[in-house]
Amino acid sequence: MTEKQCEICGAEISGSPQKIVIDRSTMEVCKSCARFGKPEDKWTPVPRKMVPVERAFTVMRPKPRDQFKDLVELVPDFGRKIREAREGLGLTPEQLGARIKEKATLLKKIEREDISPEDDVRKKLERELKIKLTDQASEAQVKSGGSGRGLTLGDVANIKRK
């Protein structure tokens, strides 16, 4: 029968080896090296859980959206445009609100340009009044004068000289 060797000093262990724990590692050592660790505790308060090596399914994470891709700008005089289209159809703000299921007070504030319409309200107004309230800024319109680099901060900012 082969004798076991101490995992610390390498000496052959006569009899049964002692199991000790050093820095959460269990080792089989001789009696003289047993003083370097604590005796192994057989009882654990929480059962050890098996971690699967491979997942049974893959998690599909959504790709990040470009939030500025579909950004549309309202035309500068959207309130006047809405009021003229509504009056052209002979509707009051209350009647238009009933048609698109929005409050008349909201429509009045939009016509006065106190607030900008949210996308869903804007789409309802465009559909009902048959008008266009947005300017879609395309890449060709955004490009700076002839350089082909695209829009830069200098194209947008007003620089004040001292």
C-alpha atoms as a PDB file:
ATOM      1  CA  MET A   1       0.000   0.000   0.000  1.00  0.00           C
ATOM      2  CA  THR A   2       1.360   3.443  -0.912  1.00  0.00           C
ATOM      3  CA  GLU A   3       1.808   5.987   1.790  1.00  0.00           C
ATOM      4  CA  LYS A   4       0.428   9.490   1.358  1.00  0.00           C
ATOM      5  CA  GLN A   5       2.641  12.542   1.393  1.00  0.00           C
ATOM      6  CA  CYS A   6       2.051  15.698   3.425  1.00  0.00           C
ATOM      7  CA  GLU A   7       0.871  18.508   1.156  1.00  0.00           C
ATOM      8  CA  ILE A   8       2.918  21.072   3.104  1.00  0.00           C
ATOM      9  CA  CYS A   9       6.279  19.505   3.927  1.00  0.00           C
ATOM     10  CA  GLY A  10       6.191  16.501   1.557  1.00  0.00           C
ATOM     11  CA  ALA A  11       6.993  13.930   4.302  1.00  0.00           C
ATOM     12  CA  GLU A  12       5.328  10.535   4.120  1.00  0.00           C
ATOM     13  CA  ILE A  13       2.298  10.299   6.411  1.00  0.00           C
ATOM     14  CA  SER A  14       2.112   7.181   8.560  1.00  0.00           C
ATOM     15  CA  GLY A  15      -1.437   6.289   9.513  1.00  0.00           C
ATOM     16  CA  SER A  16      -4.344   8.461   8.447  1.00  0.00           C
ATOM     17  CA  PRO A  17      -3.650  12.033   7.308  1.00  0.00           C
ATOM     18  CA  GLN A  18      -5.241  14.967   9.073  1.00  0.00           C
ATOM     19  CA  LYS A  19      -7.463  17.275   7.038  1.00  0.00           C
ATOM     20  CA  ILE A  20      -6.983  20.969   7.750  1.00  0.00           C
ATOM     21  CA  VAL A  21      -8.171  24.211   6.129  1.00  0.00           C
ATOM     22  CA  ILE A  22      -5.720  26.987   5.234  1.00  0.00           C
ATOM     23  CA  ASP A  23      -7.191  30.031   3.448  1.00  0.00           C
ATOM     24  CA  ARG A  24     -10.334  28.069   2.486  1.00  0.00           C
ATOM     25  CA  SER A  25      -8.249  25.253   0.952  1.00  0.00           C
ATOM     26  CA  THR A  26      -8.540  21.754   2.397  1.00  0.00           C
ATOM     27  CA  MET A  27      -5.243  19.850   2.680  1.00  0.00           C
ATOM     28  CA  GLU A  28      -4.166  16.438   3.896  1.00  0.00           C
ATOM     29  CA  VAL A  29      -1.122  16.950   6.116  1.00  0.00           C
ATOM     30  CA  CYS A  30       1.037  15.161   8.680  1.00  0.00           C
ATOM     31  CA  LYS A  31       0.556  15.657  12.439  1.00  0.00           C
ATOM     32  CA  SER A  32       3.422  18.148  12.715  1.00  0.00           C
ATOM     33  CA  CYS A  33       2.023  20.403   9.933  1.00  0.00           C
ATOM     34  CA  ALA A  34      -1.549  20.264  11.271  1.00  0.00           C
ATOM     35  CA  ARG A  35      -0.784  23.239  13.535  1.00  0.00           C
ATOM     36  CA  PHE A  36      -0.625  25.583  10.475  1.00  0.00           C
ATOM     37  CA  GLY A  37      -4.349  25.356   9.793  1.00  0.00           C
ATOM     38  CA  LYS A  38      -7.695  24.707  11.398  1.00  0.00           C
ATOM     39  CA  PRO A  39      -9.337  21.268  11.433  1.00  0.00           C
ATOM     40  CA  GLU A  40     -11.765  20.801   8.544  1.00  0.00           C
ATOM     41  CA  ASP A  41     -15.370  21.395   9.550  1.00  0.00           C
ATOM     42  CA  LYS A  42     -17.637  18.705   8.115  1.00  0.00           C
ATOM     43  CA  TRP A  43     -20.829  20.686   8.651  1.00  0.00           C
ATOM     44  CA  THR A  44     -21.701  23.647   6.422  1.00  0.00           C
ATOM     45  CA  PRO A  45     -24.577  25.993   7.292  1.00  0.00           C
ATOM     46  CA  VAL A  46     -25.751  26.350   3.679  1.00  0.00           C
ATOM     47  CA  PRO A  47     -25.669  23.492   1.186  1.00  0.00           C
ATOM     48  CA  ARG A  48     -23.374  24.145  -1.729  1.00  0.00           C
ATOM     49  CA  LYS A  49     -25.203  24.816  -4.940  1.00  0.00           C
ATOM     50  CA  MET A  50     -24.150  23.444  -8.262  1.00  0.00           C
ATOM     51  CA  VAL A  51     -23.558  26.178 -10.824  1.00  0.00           C
ATOM     52  CA  PRO A  52     -24.397  25.048 -14.341  1.00  0.00           C
ATOM     53  CA  VAL A  53     -21.475  25.173 -16.707  1.00  0.00           C
ATOM     54  CA  GLU A  54     -23.589  26.262 -19.650  1.00  0.00           C
ATOM     55  CA  ARG A  55     -26.904  28.076 -19.733  1.00  0.00           C
ATOM     56  CA  ALA A  56     -29.858  26.196 -21.115  1.00  0.00           C
ATOM     57  CA  PHE A  57     -30.939  29.274 -23.068  1.00  0.00           C
ATOM     58  CA  THR A  58     -29.340  32.449 -24.310  1.00  0.00           C
ATOM     59  CA  VAL A  59     -30.486  35.841 -23.205  1.00  0.00           C
ATOM     60  CA  MET A  60     -31.176  38.154 -26.130  1.00  0.00           C
ATOM     61  CA  ARG A  61     -30.414  41.708 -25.078  1.00  0.00           C
ATOM     62  CA  PRO A  62     -31.990  44.429 -27.183  1.00  0.00           C
ATOM     63  CA  LYS A  63     -29.645  46.568 -29.205  1.00  0.00           C
ATOM     64  CA  PRO A  64     -29.375  50.135 -27.967  1.00  0.00           C
ATOM     65  CA  ARG A  65     -31.634  52.458 -29.928  1.00  0.00           C
ATOM     66  CA  ASP A  66     -30.433  55.608 -31.587  1.00  0.00           C
ATOM     67  CA  GLN A  67     -32.748  58.034 -29.822  1.00  0.00           C
ATOM     68  CA  PHE A  68     -31.939  60.904 -32.166  1.00  0.00           C
ATOM     69  CA  LYS A  69     -32.572  58.932 -35.360  1.00  0.00           C
ATOM     70  CA  ASP A  70     -36.312  59.565 -35.451  1.00  0.00           C
ATOM     71  CA  LEU A  71     -36.120  63.024 -33.932  1.00  0.00           C
ATOM     72  CA  VAL A  72     -38.460  65.421 -35.685  1.00  0.00           C
ATOM     73  CA  GLU A  73     -38.755  69.152 -35.229  1.00  0.00           C
ATOM     74  CA  LEU A  74     -42.009  71.058 -35.136  1.00  0.00           C
ATOM     75  CA  VAL A  75     -42.472  73.801 -37.681  1.00  0.00           C
ATOM     76  CA  PRO A  76     -41.899  77.226 -36.090  1.00  0.00           C
ATOM     77  CA  ASP A  77     -45.520  78.416 -36.430  1.00  0.00           C
ATOM     78  CA  PHE A  78     -47.309  75.154 -35.552  1.00  0.00           C
ATOM     79  CA  GLY A  79     -49.969  76.916 -33.422  1.00  0.00           C
ATOM     80  CA  ARG A  80     -51.094  79.205 -36.238  1.00  0.00           C
ATOM     81  CA  LYS A  81     -51.075  76.300 -38.694  1.00  0.00           C
ATOM     82  CA  ILE A  82     -53.298  74.176 -36.418  1.00  0.00           C
ATOM     83  CA  ARG A  83     -55.737  77.052 -35.760  1.00  0.00           C
ATOM     84  CA  GLU A  84     -56.059  77.907 -39.481  1.00  0.00           C
ATOM     85  CA  ALA A  85     -56.639  74.267 -40.437  1.00  0.00           C
ATOM     86  CA  ARG A  86     -59.224  73.836 -37.657  1.00  0.00           C
ATOM     87  CA  GLU A  87     -61.070  77.020 -38.620  1.00  0.00           C
ATOM     88  CA  GLY A  88     -60.886  76.020 -42.302  1.00  0.00           C
ATOM     89  CA  LEU A  89     -62.857  72.868 -41.429  1.00  0.00           C
ATOM     90  CA  GLY A  90     -65.296  74.981 -39.381  1.00  0.00           C
ATOM     91  CA  LEU A  91     -64.496  73.242 -36.075  1.00  0.00           C
ATOM     92  CA  THR A  92     -64.270  74.642 -32.554  1.00  0.00           C
ATOM     93  CA  PRO A  93     -61.484  73.431 -30.235  1.00  0.00           C
ATOM     94  CA  GLU A  94     -64.130  71.390 -28.354  1.00  0.00           C
ATOM     95  CA  GLN A  95     -65.323  69.665 -31.540  1.00  0.00           C
ATOM     96  CA  LEU A  96     -61.742  68.902 -32.658  1.00  0.00           C
ATOM     97  CA  GLY A  97     -60.921  67.612 -29.179  1.00  0.00           C
ATOM     98  CA  ALA A  98     -63.912  65.257 -29.308  1.00  0.00           C
ATOM     99  CA  ARG A  99     -62.816  63.963 -32.728  1.00  0.00           C
ATOM    100  CA  ILE A 100     -59.235  63.172 -31.671  1.00  0.00           C
ATOM    101  CA  LYS A 101     -60.146  62.276 -28.058  1.00  0.00           C
ATOM    102  CA  GLU A 102     -58.134  65.075 -26.455  1.00  0.00           C
ATOM    103  CA  LYS A 103     -59.206  67.927 -24.159  1.00  0.00           C
ATOM    104  CA  ALA A 104     -60.096  71.278 -25.702  1.00  0.00           C
ATOM    105  CA  THR A 105     -57.902  73.093 -23.143  1.00  0.00           C
ATOM    106  CA  LEU A 106     -54.893  71.111 -24.369  1.00  0.00           C
ATOM    107  CA  LEU A 107     -55.649  72.091 -27.967  1.00  0.00           C
ATOM    108  CA  LYS A 108     -56.007  75.760 -26.973  1.00  0.00           C
ATOM    109  CA  LYS A 109     -52.611  75.708 -25.248  1.00  0.00           C
ATOM    110  CA  ILE A 110     -51.049  74.076 -28.315  1.00  0.00           C
ATOM    111  CA  GLU A 111     -52.620  76.698 -30.610  1.00  0.00           C
ATOM    112  CA  ARG A 112     -51.247  79.492 -28.373  1.00  0.00           C
ATOM    113  CA  GLU A 113     -47.871  77.655 -28.483  1.00  0.00           C
ATOM    114  CA  ASP A 114     -47.761  77.577 -24.678  1.00  0.00           C
ATOM    115  CA  ILE A 115     -46.847  73.887 -24.975  1.00  0.00           C
ATOM    116  CA  SER A 116     -45.580  71.672 -27.772  1.00  0.00           C
ATOM    117  CA  PRO A 117     -47.746  68.696 -28.702  1.00  0.00           C
ATOM    118  CA  GLU A 118     -46.479  65.243 -27.757  1.00  0.00           C
ATOM    119  CA  ASP A 119     -45.866  62.837 -30.628  1.00  0.00           C
ATOM    120  CA  ASP A 120     -49.176  60.974 -30.275  1.00  0.00           C
ATOM    121  CA  VAL A 121     -51.206  64.228 -30.135  1.00  0.00           C
ATOM    122  CA  ARG A 122     -49.196  65.674 -33.038  1.00  0.00           C
ATOM    123  CA  LYS A 123     -49.945  62.608 -35.173  1.00  0.00           C
ATOM    124  CA  LYS A 124     -53.668  62.815 -34.336  1.00  0.00           C
ATOM    125  CA  LEU A 125     -53.735  66.491 -35.312  1.00  0.00           C
ATOM    126  CA  GLU A 126     -51.852  65.857 -38.574  1.00  0.00           C
ATOM    127  CA  ARG A 127     -54.219  63.034 -39.503  1.00  0.00           C
ATOM    128  CA  GLU A 128     -57.451  64.865 -38.593  1.00  0.00           C
ATOM    129  CA  LEU A 129     -56.535  68.285 -40.008  1.00  0.00           C
ATOM    130  CA  LYS A 130     -54.536  66.892 -42.976  1.00  0.00           C
ATOM    131  CA  ILE A 131     -51.533  69.118 -42.247  1.00  0.00           C
ATOM    132  CA  LYS A 132     -47.815  68.555 -41.678  1.00  0.00           C
ATOM    133  CA  LEU A 133     -46.407  69.880 -38.393  1.00  0.00           C
ATOM    134  CA  THR A 134     -42.854  68.545 -38.580  1.00  0.00           C
ATOM    135  CA  ASP A 135     -39.640  69.231 -40.421  1.00  0.00           C
ATOM    136  CA  GLN A 136     -37.550  66.072 -40.785  1.00  0.00           C
ATOM    137  CA  ALA A 137     -33.925  67.232 -40.758  1.00  0.00           C
ATOM    138  CA  SER A 138     -32.068  65.000 -43.173  1.00  0.00           C
ATOM    139  CA  GLU A 139     -28.316  64.422 -43.248  1.00  0.00           C
ATOM    140  CA  ALA A 140     -28.030  66.399 -46.508  1.00  0.00           C
ATOM    141  CA  GLN A 141     -29.606  69.474 -44.900  1.00  0.00           C
ATOM    142  CA  VAL A 142     -27.418  69.170 -41.801  1.00  0.00           C
ATOM    143  CA  LYS A 143     -24.062  69.028 -43.623  1.00  0.00           C
ATOM    144  CA  SER A 144     -21.927  72.110 -43.284  1.00  0.00           C
ATOM    145  CA  GLY A 145     -20.960  74.288 -46.207  1.00  0.00           C
ATOM    146  CA  GLY A 146     -19.031  72.173 -48.713  1.00  0.00           C
ATOM    147  CA  SER A 147     -16.514  70.548 -46.375  1.00  0.00           C
ATOM    148  CA  GLY A 148     -18.292  67.186 -46.242  1.00  0.00           C
ATOM    149  CA  ARG A 149     -17.393  66.654 -42.570  1.00  0.00           C
ATOM    150  CA  GLY A 150     -20.929  66.984 -41.299  1.00  0.00           C
ATOM    151  CA  LEU A 151     -22.238  69.387 -38.707  1.00  0.00           C
ATOM    152  CA  THR A 152     -19.679  70.777 -36.269  1.00  0.00           C
ATOM    153  CA  LEU A 153     -20.004  72.899 -33.150  1.00  0.00           C
ATOM    154  CA  GLY A 154     -18.706  75.890 -35.082  1.00  0.00           C
ATOM    155  CA  ASP A 155     -21.617  75.584 -37.530  1.00  0.00           C
ATOM    156  CA  VAL A 156     -24.124  75.893 -34.694  1.00  0.00           C
ATOM    157  CA  ALA A 157     -22.523  78.178 -32.084  1.00  0.00           C
ATOM    158  CA  ASN A 158     -22.420  81.940 -32.321  1.00  0.00           C
ATOM    159  CA  ILE A 159     -18.894  82.866 -31.314  1.00  0.00           C
ATOM    160  CA  LYS A 160     -18.545  86.276 -29.698  1.00  0.00           C
ATOM    161  CA  ARG A 161     -15.180  87.958 -30.185  1.00  0.00           C
ATOM    162  CA  LYS A 162     -13.767  90.224 -27.459  1.00  0.00           C
END
